[in-house]
């Protein structure tokens, strides 16, 4: 639900703050949403085939923490 509400605001942010064209902003948001919907399938495949449920949760949680920390440090 959060990604659905984020889509229109993200296009507006890209156009107004980052000065991108509307088609480029819409394309970036489409890529973002596509990645959002695809990553659970990739994570599920990795967990079922290679890692196991708990190691997958641990590994992807660490990746999420590192990425969100790097993004928050870039926005400061």
C-alpha atoms as a PDB file:
ATOM      1  CA  UNK A   1       0.000   0.000   0.000  1.00  0.00           C
ATOM      2  CA  UNK A   2       2.837   2.367   0.744  1.00  0.00           C
ATOM      3  CA  UNK A   3       4.298   1.994  -2.726  1.00  0.00           C
ATOM      4  CA  UNK A   4       0.957   2.803  -4.346  1.00  0.00           C
ATOM      5  CA  UNK A   5       0.704   6.087  -2.468  1.00  0.00           C
ATOM      6  CA  UNK A   6       4.324   6.851  -3.179  1.00  0.00           C
ATOM      7  CA  UNK A   7       4.128   6.602  -6.966  1.00  0.00           C
ATOM      8  CA  UNK A   8       2.431   9.908  -7.768  1.00  0.00           C
ATOM      9  CA  UNK A   9       4.404  11.797  -5.149  1.00  0.00           C
ATOM     10  CA  UNK A  10       7.624  10.353  -6.497  1.00  0.00           C
ATOM     11  CA  UNK A  11       6.886  11.559 -10.032  1.00  0.00           C
ATOM     12  CA  UNK A  12       6.121  15.027  -8.683  1.00  0.00           C
ATOM     13  CA  UNK A  13       9.354  15.006  -6.674  1.00  0.00           C
ATOM     14  CA  UNK A  14      11.421  13.951  -9.676  1.00  0.00           C
ATOM     15  CA  UNK A  15       9.881  16.629 -11.893  1.00  0.00           C
ATOM     16  CA  UNK A  16       9.884  19.537  -9.430  1.00  0.00           C
ATOM     17  CA  UNK A  17      12.979  18.934  -7.307  1.00  0.00           C
ATOM     18  CA  UNK A  18      15.292  16.964  -9.590  1.00  0.00           C
ATOM     19  CA  UNK A  19      14.184  18.791 -12.768  1.00  0.00           C
ATOM     20  CA  UNK A  20      13.599  15.636 -14.784  1.00  0.00           C
ATOM     21  CA  UNK A  21      11.159  15.472 -17.660  1.00  0.00           C
ATOM     22  CA  UNK A  22       7.801  13.841 -17.006  1.00  0.00           C
ATOM     23  CA  UNK A  23       8.441  10.802 -19.234  1.00  0.00           C
ATOM     24  CA  UNK A  24      11.811  10.181 -17.585  1.00  0.00           C
ATOM     25  CA  UNK A  25      10.302  10.529 -14.119  1.00  0.00           C
ATOM     26  CA  UNK A  26       7.447   8.180 -14.986  1.00  0.00           C
ATOM     27  CA  UNK A  27       9.909   5.656 -16.401  1.00  0.00           C
ATOM     28  CA  UNK A  28      12.022   5.796 -13.234  1.00  0.00           C
ATOM     29  CA  UNK A  29       8.957   5.261 -11.052  1.00  0.00           C
ATOM     30  CA  UNK A  30       7.844   2.347 -13.245  1.00  0.00           C
ATOM     31  CA  UNK A  31      11.269   0.751 -12.871  1.00  0.00           C
ATOM     32  CA  UNK A  32      11.116   1.306  -9.118  1.00  0.00           C
ATOM     33  CA  UNK A  33       7.671  -0.295  -8.809  1.00  0.00           C
ATOM     34  CA  UNK A  34       8.689  -3.197 -11.040  1.00  0.00           C
ATOM     35  CA  UNK A  35      11.710  -3.807  -8.842  1.00  0.00           C
ATOM     36  CA  UNK A  36       9.485  -3.619  -5.765  1.00  0.00           C
ATOM     37  CA  UNK A  37       7.243  -6.357  -7.117  1.00  0.00           C
ATOM     38  CA  UNK A  38      10.105  -8.537  -8.397  1.00  0.00           C
ATOM     39  CA  UNK A  39      12.416  -8.626  -5.378  1.00  0.00           C
ATOM     40  CA  UNK A  40      10.151 -10.802  -3.165  1.00  0.00           C
ATOM     41  CA  UNK A  41      10.216 -13.512  -5.846  1.00  0.00           C
ATOM     42  CA  UNK A  42      13.995 -13.349  -6.060  1.00  0.00           C
ATOM     43  CA  UNK A  43      14.313 -13.443  -2.263  1.00  0.00           C
ATOM     44  CA  UNK A  44      11.901 -16.359  -2.026  1.00  0.00           C
ATOM     45  CA  UNK A  45      13.805 -18.291  -4.666  1.00  0.00           C
ATOM     46  CA  UNK A  46      17.109 -17.636  -2.893  1.00  0.00           C
ATOM     47  CA  UNK A  47      15.657 -18.671   0.453  1.00  0.00           C
ATOM     48  CA  UNK A  48      14.051 -21.861  -0.839  1.00  0.00           C
ATOM     49  CA  UNK A  49      16.893 -22.975  -3.068  1.00  0.00           C
ATOM     50  CA  UNK A  50      20.094 -21.938  -1.380  1.00  0.00           C
ATOM     51  CA  UNK A  51      19.997 -20.180   1.974  1.00  0.00           C
ATOM     52  CA  UNK A  52      17.140 -21.378   4.089  1.00  0.00           C
ATOM     53  CA  UNK A  53      14.425 -19.234   5.575  1.00  0.00           C
ATOM     54  CA  UNK A  54      16.232 -17.772   8.587  1.00  0.00           C
ATOM     55  CA  UNK A  55      19.561 -17.092   6.855  1.00  0.00           C
ATOM     56  CA  UNK A  56      17.709 -15.358   4.024  1.00  0.00           C
ATOM     57  CA  UNK A  57      15.845 -13.129   6.473  1.00  0.00           C
ATOM     58  CA  UNK A  58      19.099 -12.305   8.239  1.00  0.00           C
ATOM     59  CA  UNK A  59      21.054 -11.610   5.037  1.00  0.00           C
ATOM     60  CA  UNK A  60      18.374  -9.464   3.392  1.00  0.00           C
ATOM     61  CA  UNK A  61      17.772  -7.545   6.640  1.00  0.00           C
ATOM     62  CA  UNK A  62      21.476  -6.670   6.763  1.00  0.00           C
ATOM     63  CA  UNK A  63      21.340  -5.554   3.112  1.00  0.00           C
ATOM     64  CA  UNK A  64      18.275  -3.419   3.842  1.00  0.00           C
ATOM     65  CA  UNK A  65      19.962  -1.792   6.847  1.00  0.00           C
ATOM     66  CA  UNK A  66      23.102  -0.994   4.838  1.00  0.00           C
ATOM     67  CA  UNK A  67      21.192   0.432   1.878  1.00  0.00           C
ATOM     68  CA  UNK A  68      18.850   2.541   4.003  1.00  0.00           C
ATOM     69  CA  UNK A  69      21.804   3.846   6.022  1.00  0.00           C
ATOM     70  CA  UNK A  70      23.690   4.822   2.870  1.00  0.00           C
ATOM     71  CA  UNK A  71      20.617   6.517   1.397  1.00  0.00           C
ATOM     72  CA  UNK A  72      19.926   8.437   4.598  1.00  0.00           C
ATOM     73  CA  UNK A  73      23.537   9.579   4.781  1.00  0.00           C
ATOM     74  CA  UNK A  74      23.341  10.817   1.170  1.00  0.00           C
ATOM     75  CA  UNK A  75      20.235  12.875   1.945  1.00  0.00           C
ATOM     76  CA  UNK A  76      21.819  14.753   4.827  1.00  0.00           C
END
